[in-house]
Protein backbone atom coordinates (compact mmCIF):
# COMPACT_ATOMS: atom_id res chain seq x y z
CA LYS A 1 -15.41 -10.23 -6.79
CA GLU A 2 -16.49 -6.61 -7.11
CA GLY A 3 -15.70 -6.18 -10.78
CA ARG A 4 -12.55 -4.17 -10.14
CA LYS A 5 -9.33 -4.69 -12.03
CA VAL A 6 -6.55 -4.60 -9.46
CA ARG A 7 -2.92 -5.59 -9.18
CA VAL A 8 -1.25 -6.62 -5.93
CA VAL A 9 2.49 -6.04 -5.67
CA SER A 10 4.62 -7.15 -2.73
CA MET A 11 7.67 -4.90 -2.62
CA LEU A 12 10.03 -6.36 -0.07
CA SER A 13 12.93 -4.01 -0.82
CA TRP A 14 12.95 -0.53 -2.33
CA GLU A 15 16.67 -0.88 -2.96
CA LEU A 16 16.29 -4.05 -5.04
CA PHE A 17 13.34 -2.59 -6.94
CA GLU A 18 15.28 0.57 -7.78
CA LYS A 19 18.16 -1.51 -9.19
CA GLN A 20 15.85 -3.00 -11.84
CA SER A 21 15.54 -1.72 -15.39
CA ALA A 22 13.06 1.00 -16.26
CA GLU A 23 11.15 -1.54 -18.34
CA TYR A 24 10.81 -3.91 -15.40
CA LYS A 25 9.69 -1.14 -13.03
CA GLU A 26 7.12 0.00 -15.59
CA SER A 27 5.83 -3.56 -15.92
CA VAL A 28 5.33 -3.80 -12.15
CA LEU A 29 4.05 -0.27 -11.52
CA PRO A 30 2.67 1.02 -14.83
CA SER A 31 2.64 4.81 -15.14
CA SER A 32 -0.85 4.49 -16.64
CA CYS A 33 -2.20 3.49 -13.23
CA CYS A 34 -3.95 6.47 -11.69
CA LYS A 35 -4.82 5.14 -8.21
CA ARG A 36 -2.41 3.28 -5.96
CA VAL A 37 -2.67 2.03 -2.39
CA VAL A 38 0.24 1.09 -0.14
CA VAL A 39 -0.14 -0.94 3.05
CA GLU A 40 2.83 -0.53 5.41
CA ALA A 41 2.46 -2.03 8.89
CA GLY A 42 5.01 0.47 10.12
CA TYR A 43 6.06 4.06 9.53
CA PRO A 44 4.90 4.95 5.99
CA MET A 45 7.58 7.51 5.08
CA GLY A 46 9.02 7.06 1.60
CA TRP A 47 6.11 5.35 -0.12
CA GLU A 48 5.03 8.61 -1.77
CA ARG A 49 7.46 7.95 -4.62
CA TYR A 50 5.50 4.82 -5.53
CA VAL A 51 1.89 5.94 -5.02
CA GLY A 52 2.22 9.50 -6.29
CA LYS A 53 0.60 12.65 -4.93
CA LYS A 54 -2.92 11.22 -5.06
CA GLY A 55 -2.12 7.76 -3.72
CA LEU A 56 -3.35 6.25 -0.47
CA ILE A 57 -0.81 5.11 2.11
CA LEU A 58 -2.03 3.06 5.05
CA GLY A 59 0.59 3.02 7.78
CA ILE A 60 1.31 3.70 11.43
CA ASP A 61 2.67 7.18 12.05
CA HIS A 62 3.11 6.96 15.81
CA PHE A 63 5.03 4.88 18.32
CA GLY A 64 4.06 2.90 21.37
CA ALA A 65 1.48 0.23 20.56
CA SER A 66 2.18 -3.28 21.76
CA GLY A 67 0.11 -6.41 22.14
CA PRO A 68 -0.94 -9.50 20.23
CA CYS A 69 -0.47 -8.96 16.49
CA GLU A 70 -4.06 -9.99 15.67
CA LYS A 71 -5.48 -7.40 18.09
CA LEU A 72 -3.20 -4.65 16.80
CA ALA A 73 -4.02 -5.51 13.18
CA GLN A 74 -7.72 -5.19 13.99
CA GLU A 75 -7.24 -1.94 15.91
CA TYR A 76 -5.23 -0.26 13.15
CA GLY A 77 -7.21 -1.61 10.22
CA PHE A 78 -4.50 -3.96 8.93
CA THR A 79 -6.91 -6.78 8.25
CA ALA A 80 -8.02 -7.85 4.79
CA GLU A 81 -11.43 -6.29 5.39
CA GLY A 82 -9.97 -3.10 6.89
CA VAL A 83 -7.61 -2.57 3.97
CA ALA A 84 -10.38 -3.36 1.47
CA ASP A 85 -12.70 -0.83 3.15
CA HIS A 86 -10.05 1.91 2.91
CA ALA A 87 -9.32 1.00 -0.72
CA ARG A 88 -13.03 1.03 -1.65
CA ALA A 89 -13.51 4.48 -0.11
CA TYR A 90 -10.39 5.77 -1.88
CA LEU A 91 -11.49 4.38 -5.25
CA LYS A 92 -14.92 6.01 -4.91
CA ALA A 93 -13.37 9.44 -4.27
């Protein structure tokens, strides 16, 4: 809608992804991509290998929040609009 060319990848398992061929991994996460965003509704450690040094990782780096999932998603920015806002700001930088 905004004239951006984006790719959305759902990576359910790092282990399974790493077992794939180099060609497959390159087809999913092309090395030519210069800006990557990861959304992890949990502790974000480990995603650096997929987004690179300049990538954006949205995650929760602390413990202790509990409540209805919709309220927590809103509070931590894990809504479609919240993620899009972070991605827009990152892409402008």
